[in-house]
Amino acid sequence: MERWRTWGYVAWGLCYWAGQPPLHWPVAGWLSALIFGVLVIFGPAWTRREGWLAWLVASAVWLALPHGIRLAYWPLTAGWIALSLYLAIYFPISIVMARALATTIRLPLPLCCAVAWTACEALRAYVATGCAGCMLVHSQTPLPAFLQIASHFGGYGVGCMMTLSMAWIVSFVKSLRTAESPTWWERWCRDVTAIIVLLWLSTSILELRQRDTYLSGLQPIKPIGRFLLIQGNMPTVFAATPELLEQGWMEYARTTQHAVATVPEPGSIDVVLWPESIFGGIGPYMMWDRGSTVPSELGLERHQLERVFSNLTDVHLNKSGRLRSMFEGAGKPPKLLMGTDVIAIAGGRMDRYNAALWINNDSSSSTDFYAKHHLVMFGEYIPIMSWFPDIMKSIGLGTLSQGNTPKSWRLDNGRWISPSICFEDMVPHAMHDHIEKLTTAGRAPDVLVNLSNDG
């Protein structure tokens, strides 16, 4: 029994990992849900040894999935390990919860598996700022037929139905191996579960076909805009030197120049987009209310801050003007949506944001910015450690401020575009909240764009 249990957990880990990028095998996601059902339904009484085994296997899976976190800067290796070990906790919790529901409330085993798995996915999406990446639903993105229920219940609904379906199969096989006849309650639950699964699959296929029919009736579809996406191959390194940062900016400028020279009708481009953090280079964008109080952490006198602010403003105008000049003779220059750092000083307080900078296509280069709302734990802030900025600074990590306002901007064609930054698109409830607020304000986005530089 011990050997069976060990290999069962290892098999779950391999299948769950294979269902996520880079392999991204949808069948592996289904197999992981099947094995989860086996571990719950056929598993013996819960022991401490089994708990450690489940957590260690899940830890190995999570260490393999988000390992790119560690590549940017050496202190983030500790963050990568801590985040992975934390996320691994939810797997043994889901098994304990499923077995507890079966023994205490006497719920049907397939329903126990589905409720426990979905509850733990929702918990990790909300607790400790949330991390909803690499959910079970993400293993199915190559197969849109299985994703239609997400329009009603989100990704949690897909994971719930996958777990329910596979646990039903396991429960049915178990009933064939049992000499005892099932009770009317067990038969009823089994039949209802089968009907729910069949309805899910049939309605998903029907909705997918209806969508395809609807889209074919709209042909030719009028584009909502033309967007020039510039994505280079500059490694994300927190300890980059000014020379490396300037080199990266110049490389993106050359790539943009090449794109403008080669794309058809460059004058009809609505927006040029650069990824997270690139546009700032060695000169972040600064906003200042010119108040009398200078933030103490700057270590500057007011006349020195005046000079810094003037220099950074000139740098910003020079950079945006250089990009605009690439479109001379091609028509009206596009708007710019640039990933950069923003330093905002108001009322004697300084905030530093990871931001998306919106630059209008006029001679004034008037700007607005979206400040990243959902910061990455152990990447952009460290719990408790972020309360001690001096310690953070000593290991080369600054303390970022958290934005609180979603933004969308109007294109010349009347469409609206709204940004998110990097990790934020892995937190679905946060993005849903942004869209609801923008819709209420009459600025519902037609285009959602994520600025990321996961290199």
Protein backbone atom coordinates (compact mmCIF):
# COMPACT_ATOMS: atom_id res chain seq x y z
CA MET A 1 0.00 0.00 0.00
CA GLU A 2 2.83 2.42 0.82
CA ARG A 3 4.47 1.82 -2.56
CA TRP A 4 1.14 2.27 -4.38
CA ARG A 5 0.52 5.51 -2.57
CA THR A 6 3.99 6.89 -3.32
CA TRP A 7 3.79 6.13 -7.01
CA GLY A 8 0.26 7.55 -7.14
CA TYR A 9 1.45 10.91 -5.87
CA VAL A 10 4.46 10.89 -8.20
CA ALA A 11 2.18 10.09 -11.15
CA TRP A 12 -0.10 12.98 -10.20
CA GLY A 13 2.86 15.35 -10.05
CA LEU A 14 4.20 14.30 -13.44
CA CYS A 15 0.79 14.57 -15.10
CA TYR A 16 -0.01 17.96 -13.57
CA TRP A 17 3.37 19.32 -14.62
CA ALA A 18 3.01 17.93 -18.16
CA GLY A 19 -0.40 19.55 -18.52
CA GLN A 20 1.10 23.02 -18.03
CA PRO A 21 3.53 24.88 -20.32
CA PRO A 22 6.00 24.15 -21.77
CA LEU A 23 4.68 20.65 -22.61
CA HIS A 24 1.04 21.75 -22.29
CA TRP A 25 -0.54 18.35 -22.96
CA PRO A 26 -4.31 18.60 -22.32
CA VAL A 27 -4.63 14.85 -21.77
CA ALA A 28 -2.12 15.12 -18.92
CA GLY A 29 -4.43 17.59 -17.18
CA TRP A 30 -7.28 15.07 -17.38
CA LEU A 31 -5.02 12.31 -16.08
CA SER A 32 -3.98 14.44 -13.11
CA ALA A 33 -7.66 14.95 -12.25
CA LEU A 34 -8.21 11.19 -12.59
CA ILE A 35 -5.29 10.39 -10.29
CA PHE A 36 -6.50 12.97 -7.79
CA GLY A 37 -9.80 11.09 -7.67
CA VAL A 38 -7.98 7.79 -7.15
CA LEU A 39 -5.92 9.24 -4.30
CA VAL A 40 -9.06 10.51 -2.60
CA ILE A 41 -11.40 7.60 -3.20
CA PHE A 42 -9.02 4.66 -2.86
CA GLY A 43 -6.66 6.25 -0.37
CA PRO A 44 -6.34 4.87 3.15
CA ALA A 45 -6.90 6.88 6.29
CA TRP A 46 -4.90 10.10 6.27
CA THR A 47 -1.53 9.95 7.99
CA ARG A 48 1.21 12.44 8.66
CA ARG A 49 3.48 10.49 6.35
CA GLU A 50 1.01 10.83 3.50
CA GLY A 51 0.71 14.54 4.18
CA TRP A 52 4.45 15.04 3.89
CA LEU A 53 4.54 12.92 0.72
CA ALA A 54 1.74 14.94 -0.92
CA TRP A 55 3.39 18.24 0.02
CA LEU A 56 6.86 17.17 -1.20
CA VAL A 57 5.52 16.02 -4.57
CA ALA A 58 3.50 19.22 -4.98
CA SER A 59 6.59 21.25 -3.99
CA ALA A 60 8.59 19.60 -6.76
CA VAL A 61 5.82 20.43 -9.23
CA TRP A 62 5.68 24.08 -8.20
CA LEU A 63 9.44 24.45 -8.17
CA ALA A 64 9.41 23.30 -11.79
CA LEU A 65 6.51 25.47 -12.98
CA PRO A 66 7.37 29.10 -11.98
CA HIS A 67 11.14 28.69 -11.90
CA GLY A 68 11.58 31.70 -14.20
CA ILE A 69 11.09 33.92 -11.16
CA ARG A 70 14.64 33.15 -10.03
CA LEU A 71 16.30 34.25 -13.26
CA ALA A 72 15.99 38.01 -12.85
CA TYR A 73 18.09 38.51 -9.72
CA TRP A 74 19.77 36.21 -7.20
CA PRO A 75 17.71 37.21 -4.12
CA LEU A 76 14.61 36.06 -6.00
CA THR A 77 15.81 32.46 -5.75
CA ALA A 78 14.69 32.49 -2.13
CA GLY A 79 11.38 33.99 -3.21
CA TRP A 80 10.89 31.33 -5.87
CA ILE A 81 11.50 28.57 -3.32
CA ALA A 82 9.26 30.17 -0.69
CA LEU A 83 6.42 30.74 -3.18
CA SER A 84 6.63 27.17 -4.49
CA LEU A 85 6.63 25.62 -1.02
CA TYR A 86 3.66 27.79 -0.08
CA LEU A 87 1.61 26.90 -3.16
CA ALA A 88 2.31 23.21 -2.59
CA ILE A 89 0.35 23.32 0.67
CA TYR A 90 -2.97 23.45 -1.18
CA PHE A 91 -2.61 19.98 -2.73
CA PRO A 92 -2.60 17.98 0.54
CA ILE A 93 -5.28 20.33 1.89
CA SER A 94 -7.53 19.45 -1.07
CA ILE A 95 -7.15 15.72 -0.39
CA VAL A 96 -7.85 16.11 3.33
CA MET A 97 -10.86 18.30 2.56
CA ALA A 98 -12.29 15.83 0.03
CA ARG A 99 -11.98 12.89 2.42
CA ALA A 100 -13.44 14.93 5.27
CA LEU A 101 -16.48 15.87 3.19
CA ALA A 102 -17.02 12.21 2.34
CA THR A 103 -16.77 10.96 5.92
CA THR A 104 -18.44 13.75 7.88
CA ILE A 105 -21.12 15.16 5.57
CA ARG A 106 -21.47 11.97 3.51
CA LEU A 107 -21.39 13.81 0.21
CA PRO A 108 -20.89 11.71 -2.94
CA LEU A 109 -17.20 11.13 -3.57
CA PRO A 110 -17.12 12.82 -7.02
CA LEU A 111 -18.74 15.90 -5.53
CA CYS A 112 -16.27 15.83 -2.62
CA CYS A 113 -13.35 15.82 -5.06
CA ALA A 114 -14.79 18.64 -7.16
CA VAL A 115 -15.66 20.86 -4.19
CA ALA A 116 -12.31 20.34 -2.44
CA TRP A 117 -10.21 20.94 -5.57
CA THR A 118 -12.17 24.03 -6.62
CA ALA A 119 -12.13 25.48 -3.11
CA CYS A 120 -8.35 25.15 -2.88
CA GLU A 121 -7.84 26.73 -6.33
CA ALA A 122 -10.02 29.65 -5.24
CA LEU A 123 -8.15 29.97 -1.94
CA ARG A 124 -4.75 30.21 -3.57
CA ALA A 125 -6.15 32.78 -6.01
CA TYR A 126 -7.13 35.07 -3.12
CA VAL A 127 -4.95 34.32 -0.08
CA ALA A 128 -1.65 36.22 0.36
CA THR A 129 -2.47 38.50 -2.60
CA GLY A 130 -3.33 35.46 -4.72
CA CYS A 131 -1.64 33.32 -7.35
CA ALA A 132 -4.03 31.83 -9.91
CA GLY A 133 -1.39 30.67 -12.37
CA CYS A 134 -1.06 27.07 -13.55
CA MET A 135 -4.61 26.13 -12.60
CA LEU A 136 -6.13 22.93 -13.92
CA VAL A 137 -8.11 24.91 -16.51
CA HIS A 138 -4.88 26.17 -18.06
CA SER A 139 -4.04 22.66 -19.21
CA GLN A 140 -7.08 22.81 -21.52
CA THR A 141 -6.44 26.05 -23.40
CA PRO A 142 -5.54 24.14 -26.61
CA LEU A 143 -9.06 22.60 -26.50
CA PRO A 144 -11.63 25.45 -26.49
CA ALA A 145 -14.57 23.03 -26.44
CA PHE A 146 -13.87 22.36 -22.77
CA LEU A 147 -13.56 26.03 -21.89
CA GLN A 148 -17.04 27.32 -22.73
CA ILE A 149 -18.28 26.97 -19.16
CA ALA A 150 -15.63 29.52 -18.14
CA SER A 151 -17.85 32.27 -19.59
CA HIS A 152 -20.32 31.50 -16.79
CA PHE A 153 -18.19 30.20 -13.91
CA GLY A 154 -14.65 31.24 -14.78
CA GLY A 155 -11.67 28.91 -14.84
CA TYR A 156 -12.81 27.47 -11.52
CA GLY A 157 -15.83 26.00 -13.31
CA VAL A 158 -13.66 24.15 -15.82
CA GLY A 159 -11.43 22.69 -13.11
CA CYS A 160 -14.49 21.73 -11.09
CA MET A 161 -16.10 19.87 -14.01
CA MET A 162 -12.85 18.13 -14.94
CA THR A 163 -12.39 16.89 -11.38
CA LEU A 164 -16.06 15.92 -11.10
CA SER A 165 -15.90 13.94 -14.37
CA MET A 166 -12.76 12.01 -13.52
CA ALA A 167 -13.83 11.33 -9.94
CA TRP A 168 -17.15 9.97 -11.27
CA ILE A 169 -15.22 7.50 -13.43
CA VAL A 170 -13.11 6.42 -10.45
CA SER A 171 -16.21 6.09 -8.27
CA PHE A 172 -17.98 4.02 -10.93
CA VAL A 173 -15.01 1.66 -11.24
CA LYS A 174 -14.94 1.31 -7.47
CA SER A 175 -18.63 0.38 -7.44
CA LEU A 176 -17.96 -2.42 -9.94
CA ARG A 177 -15.28 -3.84 -7.65
CA THR A 178 -17.47 -3.71 -4.57
CA ALA A 179 -19.71 -6.65 -3.73
CA GLU A 180 -22.15 -4.49 -1.80
CA SER A 181 -25.05 -3.00 -3.71
CA PRO A 182 -25.07 0.82 -3.76
CA THR A 183 -27.77 2.60 -1.78
CA TRP A 184 -30.47 4.59 -3.53
CA TRP A 185 -28.64 7.77 -2.51
CA GLU A 186 -25.37 6.61 -4.08
CA ARG A 187 -27.16 5.50 -7.27
CA TRP A 188 -29.03 8.80 -7.46
CA CYS A 189 -25.87 10.86 -6.95
CA ARG A 190 -23.99 8.79 -9.50
CA ASP A 191 -26.71 9.22 -12.13
CA VAL A 192 -27.10 12.95 -11.49
CA THR A 193 -23.34 13.44 -11.76
CA ALA A 194 -23.31 11.59 -15.09
CA ILE A 195 -26.12 13.81 -16.40
CA ILE A 196 -24.29 16.97 -15.28
CA VAL A 197 -21.09 15.89 -17.03
CA LEU A 198 -22.95 15.01 -20.23
CA LEU A 199 -24.79 18.33 -20.17
CA TRP A 200 -21.50 20.16 -19.68
CA LEU A 201 -19.80 18.47 -22.63
CA SER A 202 -22.81 18.73 -24.97
CA THR A 203 -23.60 22.37 -24.18
CA SER A 204 -19.91 23.29 -24.48
CA ILE A 205 -19.73 21.83 -27.98
CA LEU A 206 -23.04 23.52 -28.89
CA GLU A 207 -21.88 26.91 -27.59
CA LEU A 208 -18.61 26.59 -29.49
CA ARG A 209 -20.44 25.86 -32.74
CA GLN A 210 -22.85 28.73 -32.15
CA ARG A 211 -19.93 31.08 -31.60
CA ASP A 212 -18.24 29.95 -34.81
CA THR A 213 -21.51 30.43 -36.71
CA TYR A 214 -21.94 33.89 -35.22
CA LEU A 215 -18.41 34.93 -36.14
CA SER A 216 -18.73 33.60 -39.68
CA GLY A 217 -21.83 35.77 -40.11
CA LEU A 218 -19.79 38.85 -39.21
CA GLN A 219 -17.22 38.31 -41.95
CA PRO A 220 -15.34 40.32 -42.93
CA ILE A 221 -14.70 41.40 -39.33
CA LYS A 222 -13.67 45.03 -39.07
CA PRO A 223 -10.45 45.33 -37.04
CA ILE A 224 -10.66 47.21 -33.76
CA GLY A 225 -7.32 48.85 -34.40
CA ARG A 226 -3.74 48.32 -35.51
CA PHE A 227 -1.19 47.67 -32.80
CA LEU A 228 2.56 47.48 -33.23
CA LEU A 229 3.90 45.12 -30.56
CA ILE A 230 7.62 45.36 -29.92
CA GLN A 231 9.10 42.47 -27.94
CA GLY A 232 12.86 42.11 -27.82
CA ASN A 233 15.17 39.61 -26.17
CA MET A 234 16.56 41.70 -23.35
CA PRO A 235 17.04 39.63 -20.17
CA THR A 236 15.26 40.93 -17.08
CA VAL A 237 18.09 41.62 -14.64
CA PHE A 238 17.39 43.65 -11.50
CA ALA A 239 21.06 44.48 -11.04
CA ALA A 240 21.51 45.82 -14.57
CA THR A 241 24.07 48.59 -15.05
CA PRO A 242 23.11 51.95 -16.59
CA GLU A 243 25.03 50.91 -19.70
CA LEU A 244 22.99 47.71 -20.05
CA LEU A 245 19.73 49.60 -19.55
CA GLU A 246 20.66 52.17 -22.17
CA GLN A 247 21.73 49.40 -24.53
CA GLY A 248 18.35 47.73 -24.07
CA TRP A 249 16.47 50.94 -24.82
CA MET A 250 18.49 51.53 -27.99
CA GLU A 251 17.85 47.96 -29.12
CA TYR A 252 14.11 48.45 -28.75
CA ALA A 253 14.31 51.75 -30.60
CA ARG A 254 16.11 50.04 -33.49
CA THR A 255 13.56 47.23 -33.53
CA THR A 256 10.75 49.78 -33.64
CA GLN A 257 12.44 51.66 -36.48
CA HIS A 258 12.79 48.42 -38.45
CA ALA A 259 9.14 47.55 -37.85
CA VAL A 260 7.96 50.97 -39.02
CA ALA A 261 10.04 50.58 -42.19
CA THR A 262 8.67 47.13 -43.00
CA VAL A 263 4.99 47.05 -41.94
CA PRO A 264 2.42 48.14 -44.54
CA GLU A 265 0.79 51.53 -44.00
CA PRO A 266 2.65 52.54 -40.82
CA GLY A 267 0.60 55.73 -40.68
CA SER A 268 -2.51 53.70 -39.82
CA ILE A 269 -0.97 52.21 -36.66
CA ASP A 270 -3.01 53.22 -33.62
CA VAL A 271 -0.67 52.25 -30.77
CA VAL A 272 2.96 51.21 -30.37
CA LEU A 273 3.55 48.99 -27.33
CA TRP A 274 6.76 48.23 -25.47
CA PRO A 275 6.86 45.64 -22.66
CA GLU A 276 7.20 46.04 -18.93
CA SER A 277 9.99 48.31 -17.60
CA ILE A 278 11.76 48.88 -20.93
CA PHE A 279 10.86 52.46 -21.84
CA GLY A 280 12.28 53.98 -18.68
CA GLY A 281 15.84 52.74 -19.21
CA ILE A 282 18.00 54.84 -16.90
CA GLY A 283 15.40 57.63 -16.82
CA PRO A 284 12.06 56.78 -15.17
CA TYR A 285 9.08 59.03 -15.71
CA MET A 286 8.61 61.47 -12.82
CA MET A 287 5.49 63.31 -11.68
CA TRP A 288 5.79 65.99 -8.99
CA ASP A 289 3.28 68.37 -7.46
CA ARG A 290 6.13 70.82 -6.70
CA GLY A 291 5.16 70.90 -3.05
CA SER A 292 7.40 72.43 -0.46
CA THR A 293 8.20 69.13 1.27
CA VAL A 294 10.81 66.87 -0.31
CA PRO A 295 10.57 63.13 0.55
CA SER A 296 13.32 62.30 3.00
CA GLU A 297 14.22 59.03 1.25
CA LEU A 298 15.47 61.00 -1.75
CA GLY A 299 18.20 62.65 0.28
CA LEU A 300 17.91 65.81 -1.86
CA GLU A 301 17.41 69.50 -1.25
CA ARG A 302 14.51 71.11 -3.09
CA HIS A 303 16.72 72.82 -5.69
CA GLN A 304 18.37 69.47 -6.38
CA LEU A 305 14.99 67.83 -6.87
CA GLU A 306 14.06 70.65 -9.26
CA ARG A 307 17.11 69.81 -11.36
CA VAL A 308 16.41 66.07 -11.30
CA PHE A 309 12.78 66.63 -12.27
CA SER A 310 13.78 68.94 -15.13
CA ASN A 311 16.35 66.45 -16.43
CA LEU A 312 13.94 63.50 -16.30
CA THR A 313 11.25 65.55 -18.05
CA ASP A 314 13.70 66.40 -20.83
CA VAL A 315 14.70 62.74 -21.12
CA HIS A 316 11.05 61.73 -21.41
CA LEU A 317 10.32 64.31 -24.11
CA ASN A 318 13.43 63.26 -26.00
CA LYS A 319 12.53 59.56 -25.92
CA SER A 320 8.90 60.01 -26.90
CA GLY A 321 9.88 62.54 -29.57
CA ARG A 322 12.38 60.09 -31.02
CA LEU A 323 9.73 57.41 -31.38
CA ARG A 324 7.28 59.89 -32.88
CA SER A 325 9.87 61.01 -35.45
CA MET A 326 10.00 57.48 -36.85
CA PHE A 327 6.55 58.09 -38.32
CA GLU A 328 7.34 61.38 -40.05
CA GLY A 329 5.98 61.32 -43.56
CA ALA A 330 3.81 58.28 -42.82
CA GLY A 331 0.85 60.22 -41.46
CA LYS A 332 -0.34 60.92 -37.94
CA PRO A 333 2.00 59.35 -35.37
CA PRO A 334 0.52 56.65 -33.12
CA LYS A 335 -0.10 56.78 -29.43
CA LEU A 336 2.46 55.03 -27.24
CA LEU A 337 1.84 52.52 -24.45
CA MET A 338 5.16 51.92 -22.74
CA GLY A 339 6.21 49.77 -19.81
CA THR A 340 8.29 51.87 -17.43
CA ASP A 341 8.95 52.92 -13.84
CA VAL A 342 7.02 55.94 -12.61
CA ILE A 343 8.06 58.04 -9.63
CA ALA A 344 5.18 60.11 -8.26
CA ILE A 345 5.82 62.76 -5.60
CA ALA A 346 2.83 64.42 -4.00
CA GLY A 347 2.29 65.94 -0.57
CA GLY A 348 5.84 65.13 0.48
CA ARG A 349 5.33 61.42 -0.21
CA MET A 350 7.14 59.45 -2.90
CA ASP A 351 5.69 56.40 -4.62
CA ARG A 352 7.49 54.24 -7.13
CA TYR A 353 5.31 52.24 -9.49
CA ASN A 354 5.73 49.52 -12.04
CA ALA A 355 3.58 51.21 -14.65
CA ALA A 356 2.17 51.37 -18.15
CA LEU A 357 2.74 54.88 -19.51
CA TRP A 358 0.22 56.27 -22.01
CA ILE A 359 1.69 58.96 -24.28
CA ASN A 360 -0.62 60.88 -26.59
CA ASN A 361 0.26 61.40 -30.24
CA ASP A 362 0.51 65.17 -30.12
CA SER A 363 3.41 67.55 -29.77
CA SER A 364 2.87 67.98 -26.03
CA SER A 365 3.39 64.26 -25.35
CA SER A 366 0.76 64.53 -22.60
CA THR A 367 0.74 61.43 -20.45
CA ASP A 368 -1.22 59.28 -18.07
CA PHE A 369 -0.21 56.02 -16.45
CA TYR A 370 -1.61 52.83 -15.00
CA ALA A 371 0.16 51.67 -11.84
CA LYS A 372 0.37 47.94 -11.32
CA HIS A 373 -2.22 46.97 -8.76
CA HIS A 374 -1.39 43.34 -8.02
CA LEU A 375 2.26 43.07 -7.01
CA VAL A 376 4.17 39.79 -7.19
CA MET A 377 4.90 38.27 -3.80
CA PHE A 378 8.65 37.62 -3.35
CA GLY A 379 9.28 39.43 -6.63
CA GLU A 380 8.03 42.99 -6.15
CA TYR A 381 7.49 42.80 -2.45
CA ILE A 382 8.51 40.44 0.32
CA PRO A 383 6.03 39.92 3.18
CA ILE A 384 7.19 41.70 6.36
CA MET A 385 10.54 42.55 4.73
CA SER A 386 8.81 45.26 2.69
CA TRP A 387 8.21 47.11 5.96
CA PHE A 388 11.99 47.62 6.18
CA PRO A 389 13.02 49.48 3.00
CA ASP A 390 16.62 49.84 4.12
CA ILE A 391 17.05 46.07 4.29
CA MET A 392 15.35 45.69 0.89
CA LYS A 393 17.71 48.27 -0.55
CA SER A 394 20.74 46.50 0.89
CA ILE A 395 19.97 43.37 -1.16
CA GLY A 396 19.22 45.35 -4.30
CA LEU A 397 15.41 45.31 -4.18
CA GLY A 398 13.35 48.47 -3.98
CA THR A 399 9.90 48.71 -2.43
CA LEU A 400 7.19 49.25 -5.04
CA SER A 401 3.94 51.03 -4.31
CA GLN A 402 0.62 49.46 -5.21
CA GLY A 403 -1.68 51.13 -7.70
CA ASN A 404 -5.39 51.33 -6.98
CA THR A 405 -7.08 52.65 -10.11
CA PRO A 406 -7.75 50.76 -13.37
CA LYS A 407 -7.23 52.77 -16.52
CA SER A 408 -8.46 52.73 -20.10
CA TRP A 409 -7.70 55.19 -22.87
CA ARG A 410 -9.58 56.13 -26.01
CA LEU A 411 -8.03 55.50 -29.41
CA ASP A 412 -8.60 57.85 -32.34
CA ASN A 413 -11.10 55.35 -33.80
CA GLY A 414 -13.24 55.48 -30.65
CA ARG A 415 -12.12 52.14 -29.21
CA TRP A 416 -10.82 51.83 -25.66
CA ILE A 417 -7.65 50.03 -24.57
CA SER A 418 -6.84 48.93 -21.01
CA PRO A 419 -3.51 47.57 -19.73
CA SER A 420 -2.42 45.09 -17.12
CA ILE A 421 1.16 44.30 -16.20
CA CYS A 422 2.85 40.91 -16.09
CA PHE A 423 1.52 38.70 -13.29
CA GLU A 424 -1.80 40.57 -13.04
CA ASP A 425 -3.46 38.62 -15.83
CA MET A 426 -3.03 35.48 -13.69
CA VAL A 427 -5.44 36.89 -11.10
CA PRO A 428 -8.82 36.67 -12.84
CA HIS A 429 -10.92 38.28 -10.10
CA ALA A 430 -8.64 41.33 -10.12
CA MET A 431 -9.03 41.74 -13.89
CA HIS A 432 -12.78 41.21 -13.62
CA ASP A 433 -12.95 43.93 -10.98
CA HIS A 434 -10.98 46.31 -13.23
CA ILE A 435 -13.34 45.76 -16.16
CA GLU A 436 -16.44 46.23 -13.98
CA LYS A 437 -15.14 49.54 -12.63
CA LEU A 438 -14.19 50.80 -16.09
CA THR A 439 -17.57 49.75 -17.51
CA THR A 440 -19.40 51.57 -14.72
CA ALA A 441 -17.34 54.67 -15.50
CA GLY A 442 -18.30 54.50 -19.20
CA ARG A 443 -14.80 53.47 -20.26
CA ALA A 444 -15.37 49.76 -20.97
CA PRO A 445 -12.28 48.44 -22.79
CA ASP A 446 -12.48 46.92 -26.26
CA VAL A 447 -8.86 45.77 -26.08
CA LEU A 448 -7.06 44.23 -23.09
CA VAL A 449 -3.28 44.27 -23.31
CA ASN A 450 -0.75 42.77 -20.92
CA LEU A 451 2.71 44.31 -20.77
CA SER A 452 5.24 41.73 -19.64
CA ASN A 453 8.95 41.19 -19.91
CA ASP A 454 9.40 37.63 -18.68
CA GLY A 455 12.82 37.23 -20.19
